[in-house]
C-alpha atoms as a PDB file:
ATOM      1  CA  UNK A   1     127.450  86.289  35.004  1.00  0.00           C
ATOM      2  CA  UNK A   2     124.772  87.130  38.089  1.00  0.00           C
ATOM      3  CA  UNK A   3     122.857  89.874  35.864  1.00  0.00           C
ATOM      4  CA  UNK A   4     121.811  87.910  33.440  1.00  0.00           C
ATOM      5  CA  UNK A   5     120.887  85.502  35.317  1.00  0.00           C
ATOM      6  CA  UNK A   6     119.147  88.272  37.477  1.00  0.00           C
ATOM      7  CA  UNK A   7     118.137  89.782  34.054  1.00  0.00           C
ATOM      8  CA  UNK A   8     116.166  86.123  33.414  1.00  0.00           C
ATOM      9  CA  UNK A   9     114.687  85.175  36.498  1.00  0.00           C
ATOM     10  CA  UNK A  10     112.681  88.611  36.136  1.00  0.00           C
ATOM     11  CA  UNK A  11     111.752  87.964  32.285  1.00  0.00           C
ATOM     12  CA  UNK A  12     110.493  84.674  33.233  1.00  0.00           C
ATOM     13  CA  UNK A  13     107.823  86.181  35.553  1.00  0.00           C
ATOM     14  CA  UNK A  14     107.025  88.540  33.456  1.00  0.00           C
ATOM     15  CA  UNK A  15     106.484  86.289  30.329  1.00  0.00           C
ATOM     16  CA  UNK A  16     105.222  84.202  32.484  1.00  0.00           C
ATOM     17  CA  UNK A  17     102.722  87.016  34.216  1.00  0.00           C
ATOM     18  CA  UNK A  18     101.822  87.502  30.087  1.00  0.00           C
ATOM     19  CA  UNK A  19     101.029  83.896  29.322  1.00  0.00           C
ATOM     20  CA  UNK A  20      98.748  84.384  32.386  1.00  0.00           C
ATOM     21  CA  UNK A  21      96.982  87.469  31.237  1.00  0.00           C
ATOM     22  CA  UNK A  22      96.590  85.259  27.406  1.00  0.00           C
ATOM     23  CA  UNK A  23      94.791  82.553  29.444  1.00  0.00           C
ATOM     24  CA  UNK A  24      91.958  84.715  30.301  1.00  0.00           C
ATOM     25  CA  UNK A  25      91.900  86.908  27.242  1.00  0.00           C
ATOM     26  CA  UNK A  26      89.492  85.294  25.654  1.00  0.00           C
ATOM     27  CA  UNK A  27      87.281  85.250  28.292  1.00  0.00           C
ATOM     28  CA  UNK A  28      83.850  88.252  28.397  1.00  0.00           C
ATOM     29  CA  UNK A  29      84.371  90.752  30.935  1.00  0.00           C
ATOM     30  CA  UNK A  30      82.704  90.002  33.473  1.00  0.00           C
ATOM     31  CA  UNK A  31      83.853  86.666  33.597  1.00  0.00           C
ATOM     32  CA  UNK A  32      84.937  84.826  37.421  1.00  0.00           C
ATOM     33  CA  UNK A  33      87.894  83.808  36.701  1.00  0.00           C
ATOM     34  CA  UNK A  34      87.954  80.795  39.707  1.00  0.00           C
ATOM     35  CA  UNK A  35      91.963  79.738  39.998  1.00  0.00           C
ATOM     36  CA  UNK A  36      92.606  83.915  40.615  1.00  0.00           C
ATOM     37  CA  UNK A  37      90.441  84.354  44.344  1.00  0.00           C
ATOM     38  CA  UNK A  38      86.870  85.238  42.077  1.00  0.00           C
ATOM     39  CA  UNK A  39      87.801  88.189  39.915  1.00  0.00           C
ATOM     40  CA  UNK A  40      87.600  88.735  36.884  1.00  0.00           C
ATOM     41  CA  UNK A  41      88.714  88.587  33.691  1.00  0.00           C
ATOM     42  CA  UNK A  42      89.085  91.668  32.613  1.00  0.00           C
ATOM     43  CA  UNK A  43      90.576  92.342  36.023  1.00  0.00           C
ATOM     44  CA  UNK A  44      92.827  89.611  36.140  1.00  0.00           C
ATOM     45  CA  UNK A  45      93.790  91.029  32.121  1.00  0.00           C
ATOM     46  CA  UNK A  46      94.639  94.402  34.318  1.00  0.00           C
ATOM     47  CA  UNK A  47      96.927  92.914  37.146  1.00  0.00           C
ATOM     48  CA  UNK A  48      98.935  90.323  35.007  1.00  0.00           C
ATOM     49  CA  UNK A  49      99.873  93.017  32.576  1.00  0.00           C
ATOM     50  CA  UNK A  50     101.263  95.527  34.762  1.00  0.00           C
ATOM     51  CA  UNK A  51     102.822  92.433  37.289  1.00  0.00           C
ATOM     52  CA  UNK A  52     104.472  91.882  33.786  1.00  0.00           C
ATOM     53  CA  UNK A  53     106.218  95.250  32.782  1.00  0.00           C
ATOM     54  CA  UNK A  54     106.427  96.352  37.013  1.00  0.00           C
ATOM     55  CA  UNK A  55     109.233  92.950  36.743  1.00  0.00           C
ATOM     56  CA  UNK A  56     110.636  93.520  33.057  1.00  0.00           C
ATOM     57  CA  UNK A  57     111.171  96.971  34.473  1.00  0.00           C
ATOM     58  CA  UNK A  58     112.975  96.810  37.436  1.00  0.00           C
ATOM     59  CA  UNK A  59     114.730  93.551  36.074  1.00  0.00           C
ATOM     60  CA  UNK A  60     115.780  95.814  33.412  1.00  0.00           C
ATOM     61  CA  UNK A  61     117.191  97.716  36.115  1.00  0.00           C
ATOM     62  CA  UNK A  62     118.352  95.547  38.138  1.00  0.00           C
ATOM     63  CA  UNK A  63     120.241  93.905  34.811  1.00  0.00           C
ATOM     64  CA  UNK A  64     121.978  96.960  34.012  1.00  0.00           C
ATOM     65  CA  UNK A  65     123.123  97.593  38.335  1.00  0.00           C
ATOM     66  CA  UNK A  66     124.742  95.158  39.185  1.00  0.00           C
ATOM     67  CA  UNK A  67     126.880  94.142  35.115  1.00  0.00           C
ATOM     68  CA  UNK A  68     128.120  97.901  36.782  1.00  0.00           C
END
């Protein structure tokens, strides 16, 4: 049961990161995103998609190891 909860927690964080990256998707590349400490929209997309990949990978690995 714990492995499912761990997998779901990391998956939720990954989905949240994808949602933020999606919100920045239509913005021009050079436009600053105010709520994210002055980084540009392009940097925000790269940052949050990378974070989503890492969270999904960690969640999968931890979930599989917990299930052993």
